[in-house]
């Protein structure tokens, strides 16, 4: 890597260095001297071209600063032009789908794991009584063909699909169902036990029926049961291999099963020949390789060494989609990218200050520069692709002058100094931080940028010793209760690690979980969203799609807004 960079005022050297990051080499080949309004009279087209060039140069400068910030902590550790990813070979097998992703799994037990890098694979390997629809907004029958609900709404009787087998060929029994759901509810170390907390008992009057009794009427119970941790798993297999080995290769009923895991290299899923639907899956296997370097993933896709890549760098999306052999798309997601305020420290414990910071943030510029225009400005803490999203929330908009007035009203008219923690290696967040430093300076706020390793950020986040951090959220279930629980109830996750507490909002969130009337539930969630916008314990900045690219010969590549992969019908 080049360590010293000479930045000329005309920007030519800067463009030459930064252009590879954007995939726009030669976009402005004629720029050799600075241009000012006094040099020449411009017509409208020329003026637009200059404005476009100015935006490009700003993006280049900001990204260069962000990249420098990242490398100042992480060093020159990328694999550069190496397209092998350390262990990759060209794939010519028409029956195997190879997907390169930046990170490896760390625990494949649906009950005890934590993180999307594990969760998203369960849509291929695990199945429950019900599942979320492909659009992530409703629940549909799955291993339960139907169910009955008692008049009180406290007991669900599920009628099971007959003849379902685990991937090893053993029959699924009601004992497996009872063990699986009780384990999901009772495992104290599970981050997902909350989804089963309303379950009082699980019983089986016969081999084709499962009865779940609740402690009280619970509106999100079907969405809870559609989560990965409530999927049916083999009790006998778990007892045979033991708790530790189970985290490496659990046993489910999905169209694929975990066949091999080479840590740091790949996870291989093989076709479940005992799958209850004999027509699925179409593929023989799916292989998730680990390629941390963004450019290496892109090059592997272009070379046909892999069939698809995830977390495509935003600056390469347009370039890849222009290739007739590749489809690059932002898939609908439930991701919300948030600025988390530490509500336990001054001056962030004042809602006026938090709102002022939001109003001082030009999110459109952040989205254009850091995300290359992909995404949508958030108008609520809840996902635009989730149930009960309120499109009419009065949400803070960019207004620097209004921000100054709020700061003066709160007693901070002379500004203050604050620090944003950035996770090392994340160029997008570093770019946002660089822009925010400039934007907030306009209202008198000094923003310091501190780059830390991910583990350090997580530790300090849990101890509430960070001022500010940027953190994503994605839903794991179709019902909004999960997102509301994590965002609004202190005991769950300190309100997304913001340290904020509000008894009135918590009461509304709990009421929404026991309200069975959909219209009344919607009213409650609409009210919750407005209250959160008024208090703003954290600032939801963007709704961001999943950036995915795959070879054009791949058909039916499905990832739901909840993140789950569904490749039952996928072919090459």
Protein backbone atom coordinates (compact mmCIF):
# COMPACT_ATOMS: atom_id res chain seq x y z
CA UNK A 1 0.00 0.00 0.00
CA UNK A 2 1.13 3.53 -0.75
CA UNK A 3 1.95 5.24 2.56
CA UNK A 4 2.50 8.81 1.42
CA UNK A 5 -0.01 10.66 -0.74
CA UNK A 6 0.59 14.07 -2.29
CA UNK A 7 -2.67 16.02 -2.55
CA UNK A 8 -2.50 18.76 -5.16
CA UNK A 9 -4.98 21.60 -5.14
CA UNK A 10 -6.18 20.64 -8.63
CA UNK A 11 -7.36 17.28 -7.32
CA UNK A 12 -5.73 15.25 -10.13
CA UNK A 13 -3.45 13.23 -7.84
CA UNK A 14 -6.31 12.67 -5.45
CA UNK A 15 -8.57 11.32 -8.18
CA UNK A 16 -5.83 9.03 -9.41
CA UNK A 17 -5.45 7.48 -5.97
CA UNK A 18 -9.07 7.35 -4.90
CA UNK A 19 -10.79 6.44 -8.16
CA UNK A 20 -10.17 2.69 -7.79
CA UNK A 21 -12.23 2.78 -4.61
CA UNK A 22 -15.17 4.12 -6.60
CA UNK A 23 -14.80 2.18 -9.82
CA UNK A 24 -14.76 5.44 -11.81
CA UNK A 25 -11.22 5.68 -13.19
CA UNK A 26 -11.15 8.29 -15.91
CA UNK A 27 -14.51 9.78 -15.04
CA UNK A 28 -12.99 13.29 -15.05
CA UNK A 29 -9.84 12.88 -17.16
CA UNK A 30 -9.71 16.52 -18.25
CA UNK A 31 -9.50 18.07 -14.77
CA UNK A 32 -6.04 19.64 -14.54
CA UNK A 33 -6.65 22.98 -12.81
CA UNK A 34 -9.02 24.41 -10.24
CA UNK A 35 -12.16 26.01 -11.68
CA UNK A 36 -13.85 29.04 -10.18
CA UNK A 37 -17.03 30.87 -11.12
CA UNK A 38 -15.00 33.88 -12.27
CA UNK A 39 -12.98 31.97 -14.87
CA UNK A 40 -15.70 31.47 -17.45
CA UNK A 41 -19.39 31.81 -18.06
CA UNK A 42 -21.16 28.47 -17.78
CA UNK A 43 -24.37 27.35 -19.39
CA UNK A 44 -26.75 25.15 -17.39
CA UNK A 45 -25.23 21.87 -18.60
CA UNK A 46 -21.69 22.99 -17.83
CA UNK A 47 -22.72 24.25 -14.40
CA UNK A 48 -24.41 20.92 -13.61
CA UNK A 49 -21.28 19.10 -14.72
CA UNK A 50 -19.13 21.24 -12.41
CA UNK A 51 -21.51 20.66 -9.51
CA UNK A 52 -21.38 16.94 -10.21
CA UNK A 53 -17.59 17.10 -10.25
CA UNK A 54 -17.55 18.99 -6.95
CA UNK A 55 -19.70 16.31 -5.36
CA UNK A 56 -17.39 13.64 -6.72
CA UNK A 57 -14.30 15.41 -5.39
CA UNK A 58 -15.88 15.81 -1.99
CA UNK A 59 -16.77 12.14 -1.93
CA UNK A 60 -13.20 11.28 -2.94
CA UNK A 61 -11.66 13.48 -0.25
CA UNK A 62 -13.97 12.16 2.47
CA UNK A 63 -13.38 8.55 1.49
CA UNK A 64 -9.62 9.06 1.37
CA UNK A 65 -9.71 10.46 4.90
CA UNK A 66 -11.90 7.56 6.01
CA UNK A 67 -9.60 4.98 4.44
CA UNK A 68 -6.61 6.63 6.10
CA UNK A 69 -8.44 6.44 9.43
CA UNK A 70 -9.20 2.75 8.95
CA UNK A 71 -5.63 1.86 8.00
CA UNK A 72 -4.21 3.87 10.89
CA UNK A 73 -5.74 1.27 13.19
CA UNK A 74 -5.93 -1.92 11.17
CA UNK A 75 -2.71 -1.67 9.15
CA UNK A 76 -2.27 -2.92 5.60
CA UNK A 77 -3.91 -6.28 6.11
CA UNK A 78 -6.10 -6.56 3.04
CA UNK A 79 -5.39 -9.20 0.47
CA UNK A 80 -5.12 -6.64 -2.32
CA UNK A 81 -5.45 -8.20 -5.73
CA UNK A 82 -5.50 -11.80 -4.53
CA UNK A 83 -8.68 -13.39 -5.85
CA UNK A 84 -8.17 -16.71 -4.16
CA UNK A 85 -9.53 -15.62 -0.79
CA UNK A 86 -6.99 -17.99 0.73
CA UNK A 87 -8.65 -21.24 -0.28
CA UNK A 88 -10.94 -20.68 -3.22
CA UNK A 89 -11.03 -22.61 -6.49
CA UNK A 90 -13.10 -21.95 -9.58
CA UNK A 91 -16.50 -23.58 -9.39
CA UNK A 92 -17.90 -25.31 -12.46
CA UNK A 93 -20.43 -27.49 -10.66
CA UNK A 94 -23.88 -26.47 -11.92
CA UNK A 95 -25.46 -28.07 -8.85
CA UNK A 96 -23.52 -26.12 -6.22
CA UNK A 97 -24.11 -22.49 -5.30
CA UNK A 98 -20.97 -20.79 -3.96
CA UNK A 99 -21.47 -17.56 -1.99
CA UNK A 100 -18.56 -15.45 -0.74
CA UNK A 101 -19.27 -13.52 2.46
CA UNK A 102 -16.92 -11.31 4.52
CA UNK A 103 -17.25 -13.10 7.85
CA UNK A 104 -17.39 -16.66 9.14
CA UNK A 105 -19.98 -18.12 11.47
CA UNK A 106 -19.03 -18.67 15.11
CA UNK A 107 -21.85 -20.80 16.56
CA UNK A 108 -24.47 -22.73 14.60
CA UNK A 109 -26.73 -23.72 17.51
CA UNK A 110 -30.00 -21.82 16.85
CA UNK A 111 -30.63 -21.44 20.58
CA UNK A 112 -27.27 -20.21 21.89
CA UNK A 113 -25.78 -18.30 18.93
CA UNK A 114 -26.04 -14.55 18.47
CA UNK A 115 -25.58 -12.76 15.17
CA UNK A 116 -26.78 -12.59 11.58
CA UNK A 117 -23.71 -14.42 10.32
CA UNK A 118 -25.26 -17.52 11.90
CA UNK A 119 -28.97 -16.68 11.82
CA UNK A 120 -29.30 -16.21 8.08
CA UNK A 121 -28.16 -19.79 7.41
CA UNK A 122 -30.98 -21.28 9.47
CA UNK A 123 -33.52 -20.49 6.77
CA UNK A 124 -31.83 -23.27 4.78
CA UNK A 125 -31.36 -25.84 7.55
CA UNK A 126 -34.01 -25.39 10.24
CA UNK A 127 -37.83 -25.32 10.18
CA UNK A 128 -40.53 -24.52 12.70
CA UNK A 129 -44.26 -24.91 13.09
CA UNK A 130 -44.74 -21.72 11.08
CA UNK A 131 -42.49 -19.37 9.16
CA UNK A 132 -42.37 -15.76 8.01
CA UNK A 133 -43.50 -15.07 4.45
CA UNK A 134 -40.95 -14.17 1.78
CA UNK A 135 -41.75 -10.48 2.25
CA UNK A 136 -41.25 -10.81 6.02
CA UNK A 137 -44.59 -9.26 6.92
CA UNK A 138 -46.87 -12.23 7.65
CA UNK A 139 -46.88 -15.77 9.04
CA UNK A 140 -47.66 -18.89 7.04
CA UNK A 141 -48.05 -22.58 7.97
CA UNK A 142 -44.97 -24.74 7.67
CA UNK A 143 -44.38 -27.96 9.63
CA UNK A 144 -47.79 -27.33 11.18
CA UNK A 145 -50.42 -27.61 8.45
CA UNK A 146 -52.99 -25.70 10.50
CA UNK A 147 -53.81 -24.61 14.05
CA UNK A 148 -56.74 -23.78 16.31
CA UNK A 149 -56.89 -21.05 18.95
CA UNK A 150 -59.13 -21.16 22.02
CA UNK A 151 -61.54 -18.22 22.58
CA UNK A 152 -59.30 -16.73 25.29
CA UNK A 153 -56.30 -16.67 22.97
CA UNK A 154 -54.19 -18.60 25.46
CA UNK A 155 -53.94 -22.01 23.81
CA UNK A 156 -52.78 -22.98 20.31
CA UNK A 157 -53.34 -26.49 18.97
CA UNK A 158 -51.04 -27.26 16.03
CA UNK A 159 -51.76 -30.07 13.57
CA UNK A 160 -48.38 -31.39 12.44
CA UNK A 161 -47.32 -32.28 8.91
CA UNK A 162 -46.93 -36.08 8.81
CA UNK A 163 -43.82 -37.94 7.70
CA UNK A 164 -41.26 -35.20 8.41
CA UNK A 165 -37.71 -36.47 8.98
CA UNK A 166 -34.47 -35.00 10.17
CA UNK A 167 -31.59 -34.82 7.72
CA UNK A 168 -30.14 -38.06 9.14
CA UNK A 169 -33.33 -39.90 8.23
CA UNK A 170 -34.82 -40.28 11.71
CA UNK A 171 -38.48 -39.45 12.24
CA UNK A 172 -39.46 -36.17 13.91
CA UNK A 173 -41.49 -36.94 17.04
CA UNK A 174 -43.56 -34.79 19.36
CA UNK A 175 -40.87 -35.44 21.96
CA UNK A 176 -38.45 -33.56 19.67
CA UNK A 177 -40.93 -30.69 19.38
CA UNK A 178 -41.43 -30.43 23.14
CA UNK A 179 -37.70 -30.63 23.85
CA UNK A 180 -36.86 -28.04 21.17
CA UNK A 181 -39.37 -25.41 22.30
CA UNK A 182 -38.70 -25.90 26.01
CA UNK A 183 -34.96 -25.64 25.39
CA UNK A 184 -35.51 -22.40 23.46
CA UNK A 185 -37.55 -21.05 26.38
CA UNK A 186 -35.41 -22.28 29.28
CA UNK A 187 -31.80 -21.83 28.12
CA UNK A 188 -30.62 -18.91 30.25
CA UNK A 189 -27.62 -18.19 28.06
CA UNK A 190 -29.84 -17.71 25.01
CA UNK A 191 -30.23 -14.20 23.63
CA UNK A 192 -33.56 -15.32 22.13
CA UNK A 193 -35.34 -16.83 25.13
CA UNK A 194 -37.53 -13.71 25.34
CA UNK A 195 -39.45 -14.95 22.28
CA UNK A 196 -40.68 -17.99 24.23
CA UNK A 197 -41.37 -16.27 27.56
CA UNK A 198 -45.17 -16.39 27.16
CA UNK A 199 -45.19 -20.19 26.80
CA UNK A 200 -46.44 -21.94 29.93
CA UNK A 201 -46.45 -25.52 28.64
CA UNK A 202 -45.95 -27.67 25.55
CA UNK A 203 -47.87 -30.95 25.34
CA UNK A 204 -48.66 -33.64 22.76
CA UNK A 205 -52.03 -35.42 23.09
CA UNK A 206 -51.06 -37.63 20.14
CA UNK A 207 -48.22 -38.01 17.62
CA UNK A 208 -49.76 -35.55 15.17
CA UNK A 209 -50.74 -32.75 17.55
CA UNK A 210 -48.86 -30.19 19.61
CA UNK A 211 -50.62 -28.00 22.17
CA UNK A 212 -48.93 -24.80 23.38
CA UNK A 213 -50.51 -23.06 26.36
CA UNK A 214 -49.62 -19.43 27.11
CA UNK A 215 -49.44 -17.57 30.40
CA UNK A 216 -51.67 -14.86 28.90
CA UNK A 217 -52.96 -13.81 25.48
CA UNK A 218 -49.85 -13.06 23.43
CA UNK A 219 -50.24 -11.36 20.05
CA UNK A 220 -46.78 -12.12 18.62
CA UNK A 221 -46.73 -15.83 19.55
CA UNK A 222 -46.90 -17.07 15.93
CA UNK A 223 -44.09 -14.73 14.92
CA UNK A 224 -42.13 -15.92 17.97
CA UNK A 225 -42.60 -19.54 16.91
CA UNK A 226 -41.39 -18.66 13.40
CA UNK A 227 -38.00 -17.66 14.78
CA UNK A 228 -34.98 -19.92 14.24
CA UNK A 229 -34.61 -20.81 17.93
CA UNK A 230 -38.09 -22.41 17.93
CA UNK A 231 -37.26 -24.73 15.02
CA UNK A 232 -37.58 -28.47 15.64
CA UNK A 233 -34.26 -30.23 16.30
CA UNK A 234 -33.26 -33.79 17.09
CA UNK A 235 -33.12 -34.46 20.82
CA UNK A 236 -31.41 -37.82 20.27
CA UNK A 237 -28.72 -36.27 18.05
CA UNK A 238 -28.07 -33.47 20.58
CA UNK A 239 -27.65 -35.97 23.39
CA UNK A 240 -25.39 -38.12 21.21
CA UNK A 241 -22.92 -35.41 20.13
CA UNK A 242 -23.07 -33.13 23.17
CA UNK A 243 -23.55 -29.41 23.70
CA UNK A 244 -20.20 -28.23 22.31
CA UNK A 245 -20.25 -30.36 19.14
CA UNK A 246 -23.84 -29.28 18.50
CA UNK A 247 -22.68 -25.68 17.99
CA UNK A 248 -20.64 -26.92 15.01
CA UNK A 249 -23.33 -28.99 13.22
CA UNK A 250 -26.91 -28.97 14.54
CA UNK A 251 -29.57 -31.28 13.13
CA UNK A 252 -32.76 -29.92 11.57
CA UNK A 253 -35.35 -30.72 8.92
CA UNK A 254 -34.50 -28.05 6.34
CA UNK A 255 -33.81 -28.55 2.63
CA UNK A 256 -30.07 -28.55 3.42
CA UNK A 257 -27.98 -29.69 6.38
CA UNK A 258 -24.63 -28.64 7.86
CA UNK A 259 -22.17 -31.07 6.25
CA UNK A 260 -18.77 -29.47 6.85
CA UNK A 261 -17.32 -26.40 8.51
CA UNK A 262 -13.71 -25.42 7.90
CA UNK A 263 -13.23 -22.52 10.29
CA UNK A 264 -12.22 -19.32 8.58
CA UNK A 265 -12.68 -20.88 5.13
CA UNK A 266 -16.19 -22.13 4.43
CA UNK A 267 -19.44 -23.65 5.66
CA UNK A 268 -20.78 -26.38 3.37
CA UNK A 269 -24.48 -27.24 3.27
CA UNK A 270 -25.49 -30.45 1.50
CA UNK A 271 -28.88 -31.38 0.08
CA UNK A 272 -31.17 -33.10 2.57
CA UNK A 273 -32.21 -36.23 0.67
CA UNK A 274 -34.78 -36.92 3.40
CA UNK A 275 -36.55 -33.60 2.91
CA UNK A 276 -40.34 -33.81 3.17
CA UNK A 277 -40.77 -32.10 -0.21
CA UNK A 278 -39.24 -34.52 -2.76
CA UNK A 279 -39.06 -31.77 -5.42
CA UNK A 280 -36.78 -29.56 -3.33
CA UNK A 281 -34.11 -28.37 -3.15
CA UNK A 282 -32.96 -28.09 -6.75
CA UNK A 283 -29.29 -27.65 -5.82
CA UNK A 284 -27.05 -30.38 -4.43
CA UNK A 285 -25.17 -28.03 -2.11
CA UNK A 286 -24.56 -24.46 -1.00
CA UNK A 287 -21.10 -23.33 0.05
CA UNK A 288 -20.51 -20.13 2.03
CA UNK A 289 -16.86 -19.14 1.65
CA UNK A 290 -15.12 -16.53 3.81
CA UNK A 291 -13.50 -13.67 1.90
CA UNK A 292 -13.04 -10.66 4.21
CA UNK A 293 -11.59 -8.31 1.59
CA UNK A 294 -14.28 -6.46 -0.38
CA UNK A 295 -12.25 -6.19 -3.58
CA UNK A 296 -11.33 -9.88 -3.49
CA UNK A 297 -15.00 -10.86 -3.26
CA UNK A 298 -15.82 -8.65 -6.23
CA UNK A 299 -12.94 -10.03 -8.30
CA UNK A 300 -13.95 -13.61 -7.52
CA UNK A 301 -17.47 -12.90 -8.72
CA UNK A 302 -16.24 -11.22 -11.89
CA UNK A 303 -13.94 -14.18 -12.59
CA UNK A 304 -16.76 -16.67 -12.08
CA UNK A 305 -14.99 -18.30 -9.12
CA UNK A 306 -18.09 -17.76 -6.99
CA UNK A 307 -21.74 -17.50 -7.91
CA UNK A 308 -22.71 -14.71 -5.50
CA UNK A 309 -21.26 -12.29 -2.97
CA UNK A 310 -22.81 -10.57 0.02
CA UNK A 311 -22.12 -7.13 1.51
CA UNK A 312 -21.09 -5.75 -1.85
CA UNK A 313 -19.21 -2.45 -1.39
CA UNK A 314 -21.63 0.29 -2.39
CA UNK A 315 -19.12 1.92 -4.70
CA UNK A 316 -18.98 -1.25 -6.84
CA UNK A 317 -22.73 -1.87 -7.21
CA UNK A 318 -23.27 0.18 -10.36
CA UNK A 319 -20.15 -1.24 -12.00
CA UNK A 320 -21.18 -4.82 -11.27
CA UNK A 321 -24.75 -4.34 -12.43
CA UNK A 322 -23.48 -2.96 -15.72
CA UNK A 323 -21.79 -6.32 -16.37
CA UNK A 324 -24.19 -8.45 -18.46
CA UNK A 325 -23.01 -11.56 -16.60
CA UNK A 326 -23.82 -10.15 -13.15
CA UNK A 327 -26.88 -8.89 -11.29
CA UNK A 328 -26.19 -6.42 -8.45
CA UNK A 329 -29.18 -5.43 -6.38
CA UNK A 330 -30.16 -3.93 -3.06
CA UNK A 331 -32.63 -6.47 -1.69
CA UNK A 332 -35.45 -5.22 0.59
CA UNK A 333 -34.34 -5.49 4.20
CA UNK A 334 -35.36 -4.53 7.71
CA UNK A 335 -32.01 -2.90 8.46
CA UNK A 336 -32.10 0.44 10.25
CA UNK A 337 -28.76 2.21 10.73
CA UNK A 338 -28.83 4.14 14.03
CA UNK A 339 -26.75 6.77 15.76
CA UNK A 340 -26.81 5.63 19.40
CA UNK A 341 -26.69 8.42 21.99
CA UNK A 342 -25.47 7.65 25.52
CA UNK A 343 -28.45 9.00 27.43
CA UNK A 344 -26.70 8.60 30.79
CA UNK A 345 -24.17 11.41 30.28
CA UNK A 346 -24.36 15.16 29.81
CA UNK A 347 -25.36 16.74 27.53
CA UNK A 348 -26.91 13.70 25.79
CA UNK A 349 -29.30 13.15 28.68
CA UNK A 350 -31.23 16.18 27.36
CA UNK A 351 -33.72 15.30 24.59
CA UNK A 352 -33.29 18.80 23.13
CA UNK A 353 -29.57 18.17 22.60
CA UNK A 354 -30.23 14.79 21.02
CA UNK A 355 -32.76 16.36 18.68
CA UNK A 356 -30.33 19.17 17.84
CA UNK A 357 -27.69 16.64 16.82
CA UNK A 358 -30.23 14.96 14.57
CA UNK A 359 -31.21 18.28 13.02
CA UNK A 360 -27.53 19.13 12.46
CA UNK A 361 -27.08 15.94 10.45
CA UNK A 362 -27.40 16.17 6.68
CA UNK A 363 -28.40 12.53 6.21
CA UNK A 364 -28.88 12.94 2.49
CA UNK A 365 -25.22 13.89 2.12
CA UNK A 366 -24.20 10.95 4.30
CA UNK A 367 -26.27 8.60 2.19
CA UNK A 368 -25.01 10.02 -1.11
CA UNK A 369 -21.34 9.89 -0.12
CA UNK A 370 -21.07 6.85 2.17
CA UNK A 371 -23.82 4.69 0.66
CA UNK A 372 -23.70 5.97 -2.94
CA UNK A 373 -27.37 6.86 -2.76
CA UNK A 374 -28.53 3.37 -1.82
CA UNK A 375 -31.08 3.39 0.95
CA UNK A 376 -33.80 5.65 2.24
CA UNK A 377 -33.94 8.29 4.95
CA UNK A 378 -35.48 6.78 8.07
CA UNK A 379 -38.65 8.34 9.47
CA UNK A 380 -39.08 6.04 12.47
CA UNK A 381 -37.00 3.69 14.58
CA UNK A 382 -39.07 0.85 13.09
CA UNK A 383 -38.27 -0.66 9.71
CA UNK A 384 -40.09 0.53 6.60
CA UNK A 385 -40.39 -3.14 5.60
CA UNK A 386 -41.90 -4.26 8.89
CA UNK A 387 -45.43 -4.52 10.28
CA UNK A 388 -47.09 -1.37 11.64
CA UNK A 389 -44.51 1.06 10.30
CA UNK A 390 -45.92 4.57 10.68
CA UNK A 391 -45.25 6.75 7.64
CA UNK A 392 -46.60 9.88 9.35
CA UNK A 393 -44.16 10.21 12.25
CA UNK A 394 -42.99 13.77 12.90
CA UNK A 395 -39.27 12.99 12.60
CA UNK A 396 -36.31 15.41 12.80
CA UNK A 397 -35.20 16.85 9.46
CA UNK A 398 -32.00 18.63 8.51
CA UNK A 399 -32.18 22.15 9.96
CA UNK A 400 -28.87 23.60 11.23
CA UNK A 401 -30.44 26.87 12.31
CA UNK A 402 -33.14 25.03 14.24
CA UNK A 403 -30.41 22.91 15.82
CA UNK A 404 -28.60 26.04 17.02
CA UNK A 405 -31.80 27.35 18.59
CA UNK A 406 -32.39 24.07 20.44
CA UNK A 407 -28.80 24.01 21.70
CA UNK A 408 -29.16 27.57 22.99
CA UNK A 409 -32.45 26.67 24.67
CA UNK A 410 -30.76 23.70 26.36
CA UNK A 411 -27.88 25.87 27.59
CA UNK A 412 -25.29 24.75 25.05
CA UNK A 413 -25.31 27.72 22.69
CA UNK A 414 -21.50 27.82 22.84
CA UNK A 415 -21.36 24.18 21.75
CA UNK A 416 -19.61 21.24 23.37
CA UNK A 417 -17.15 18.46 22.60
CA UNK A 418 -18.14 14.82 22.12
CA UNK A 419 -16.64 11.59 20.74
CA UNK A 420 -17.97 9.15 18.15
CA UNK A 421 -16.60 5.60 18.44
CA UNK A 422 -15.97 3.95 15.06
CA UNK A 423 -15.34 0.24 14.59
CA UNK A 424 -12.00 -0.36 12.91
CA UNK A 425 -12.12 -1.54 9.34
CA UNK A 426 -15.56 -0.06 8.66
CA UNK A 427 -14.96 2.47 5.90
CA UNK A 428 -18.65 3.36 5.64
CA UNK A 429 -18.84 4.43 9.28
CA UNK A 430 -15.49 6.21 9.03
CA UNK A 431 -16.84 8.16 6.05
CA UNK A 432 -19.98 9.06 7.98
CA UNK A 433 -17.87 10.18 10.92
CA UNK A 434 -15.72 12.40 8.74
CA UNK A 435 -18.80 14.06 7.26
CA UNK A 436 -20.50 14.43 10.64
CA UNK A 437 -17.43 16.16 12.05
CA UNK A 438 -17.81 18.79 9.36
CA UNK A 439 -21.60 19.06 9.60
CA UNK A 440 -21.77 19.36 13.38
CA UNK A 441 -19.01 21.96 13.42
CA UNK A 442 -21.48 24.28 11.67
CA UNK A 443 -23.62 24.34 14.82
CA UNK A 444 -20.66 24.70 17.19
CA UNK A 445 -20.16 21.05 18.17
CA UNK A 446 -16.67 19.56 18.17
CA UNK A 447 -16.86 15.90 17.15
CA UNK A 448 -13.85 13.73 17.93
CA UNK A 449 -13.50 10.42 16.09
CA UNK A 450 -12.12 7.43 17.98
CA UNK A 451 -11.44 4.20 16.08
CA UNK A 452 -11.59 1.07 18.21
CA UNK A 453 -11.53 -2.68 17.71
CA UNK A 454 -14.97 -4.31 17.59
CA UNK A 455 -14.46 -6.16 20.87
CA UNK A 456 -13.54 -2.94 22.67
CA UNK A 457 -16.59 -1.18 21.27
CA UNK A 458 -18.87 -4.02 22.41
CA UNK A 459 -17.37 -4.00 25.91
CA UNK A 460 -17.65 -0.24 26.31
CA UNK A 461 -21.12 -0.28 24.76
CA UNK A 462 -22.28 -2.76 27.39
CA UNK A 463 -20.78 -0.58 30.12
CA UNK A 464 -22.31 2.61 28.69
CA UNK A 465 -18.91 4.30 28.46
CA UNK A 466 -19.19 5.44 24.83
CA UNK A 467 -20.57 8.87 23.92
CA UNK A 468 -21.81 7.96 20.45
CA UNK A 469 -21.72 4.96 18.15
CA UNK A 470 -23.25 3.92 14.83
CA UNK A 471 -25.02 0.59 15.02
CA UNK A 472 -27.31 -1.37 12.66
CA UNK A 473 -30.48 -3.22 13.58
CA UNK A 474 -32.26 -5.95 11.59
CA UNK A 475 -35.47 -7.75 12.55
CA UNK A 476 -35.50 -11.51 13.08
CA UNK A 477 -39.27 -11.90 13.17
CA UNK A 478 -42.32 -10.61 11.32
CA UNK A 479 -43.91 -8.99 14.37
CA UNK A 480 -42.66 -5.56 15.57
CA UNK A 481 -42.56 -6.71 19.20
CA UNK A 482 -38.91 -7.80 18.97
CA UNK A 483 -37.70 -4.45 17.68
CA UNK A 484 -39.84 -2.56 20.18
CA UNK A 485 -38.64 -4.76 23.06
CA UNK A 486 -34.98 -4.15 22.25
CA UNK A 487 -35.43 -0.47 21.49
CA UNK A 488 -37.85 0.63 24.21
CA UNK A 489 -37.50 -1.68 27.24
CA UNK A 490 -34.43 -1.00 29.36
CA UNK A 491 -34.07 -4.47 30.87
CA UNK A 492 -33.77 -6.11 27.45
CA UNK A 493 -30.86 -4.24 25.91
CA UNK A 494 -30.74 -0.87 27.71
CA UNK A 495 -32.83 0.45 24.81
CA UNK A 496 -30.33 -0.45 22.08
CA UNK A 497 -27.46 0.31 24.48
CA UNK A 498 -28.54 3.93 24.83
CA UNK A 499 -29.19 3.77 28.59
CA UNK A 500 -32.57 5.48 28.09
CA UNK A 501 -35.55 4.61 30.29
CA UNK A 502 -39.20 5.62 29.92
CA UNK A 503 -41.93 3.88 31.91
CA UNK A 504 -44.74 5.20 29.71
CA UNK A 505 -43.24 3.82 26.51
CA UNK A 506 -42.43 0.50 28.18
CA UNK A 507 -46.04 0.17 29.29
CA UNK A 508 -47.28 0.76 25.74
CA UNK A 509 -44.84 -1.83 24.34
CA UNK A 510 -46.04 -4.43 26.85
CA UNK A 511 -49.67 -3.58 26.14
CA UNK A 512 -49.11 -4.06 22.40
CA UNK A 513 -47.91 -7.62 23.02
CA UNK A 514 -51.13 -8.62 24.78
CA UNK A 515 -53.54 -6.71 22.52
CA UNK A 516 -55.06 -9.17 20.04
CA UNK A 517 -57.01 -6.67 17.93
CA UNK A 518 -54.77 -5.79 14.93
CA UNK A 519 -56.20 -2.29 14.55
CA UNK A 520 -55.64 -1.47 18.22
CA UNK A 521 -52.13 -2.92 18.05
CA UNK A 522 -51.39 -0.67 15.08
CA UNK A 523 -52.57 2.37 17.03
CA UNK A 524 -50.29 1.43 19.91
CA UNK A 525 -47.25 1.01 17.69
CA UNK A 526 -48.01 4.26 15.89
CA UNK A 527 -48.06 6.03 19.26
CA UNK A 528 -44.84 4.33 20.34
CA UNK A 529 -43.06 5.45 17.18
CA UNK A 530 -44.06 9.08 17.69
CA UNK A 531 -43.01 9.04 21.34
CA UNK A 532 -39.64 7.59 20.35
CA UNK A 533 -39.25 10.32 17.72
CA UNK A 534 -40.00 12.97 20.36
CA UNK A 535 -37.53 11.59 22.90
CA UNK A 536 -34.99 10.33 20.35
CA UNK A 537 -32.87 8.08 22.62
CA UNK A 538 -31.12 7.11 19.39
CA UNK A 539 -31.34 8.60 15.91
CA UNK A 540 -32.44 6.24 13.14
CA UNK A 541 -30.68 7.60 10.06
CA UNK A 542 -31.28 5.20 7.16
CA UNK A 543 -33.21 2.19 5.97
CA UNK A 544 -30.57 0.19 4.10
CA UNK A 545 -31.08 -2.70 1.65
CA UNK A 546 -28.95 -5.85 1.56
CA UNK A 547 -26.27 -5.31 -1.13
CA UNK A 548 -25.99 -8.58 -3.06
CA UNK A 549 -24.51 -9.52 -6.42
CA UNK A 550 -24.74 -12.82 -8.25
CA UNK A 551 -23.98 -14.32 -11.64
CA UNK A 552 -26.81 -13.85 -14.13
CA UNK A 553 -27.22 -17.60 -14.59
CA UNK A 554 -28.43 -17.89 -10.97
CA UNK A 555 -32.21 -18.00 -10.75
CA UNK A 556 -34.47 -17.57 -7.70
CA UNK A 557 -31.86 -16.10 -5.38
CA UNK A 558 -34.05 -15.27 -2.38
CA UNK A 559 -33.12 -13.50 0.82
CA UNK A 560 -36.07 -12.27 2.85
CA UNK A 561 -36.15 -8.82 4.50
CA UNK A 562 -35.51 -10.70 7.77
CA UNK A 563 -32.24 -11.93 6.27
CA UNK A 564 -33.05 -15.62 5.86
CA UNK A 565 -31.79 -17.32 2.71
CA UNK A 566 -34.33 -19.47 0.85
CA UNK A 567 -32.71 -21.48 -1.90
CA UNK A 568 -35.23 -24.32 -2.23
CA UNK A 569 -36.03 -23.25 -5.80
CA UNK A 570 -32.63 -21.80 -6.67
CA UNK A 571 -30.91 -23.09 -9.80
CA UNK A 572 -27.88 -22.24 -11.94
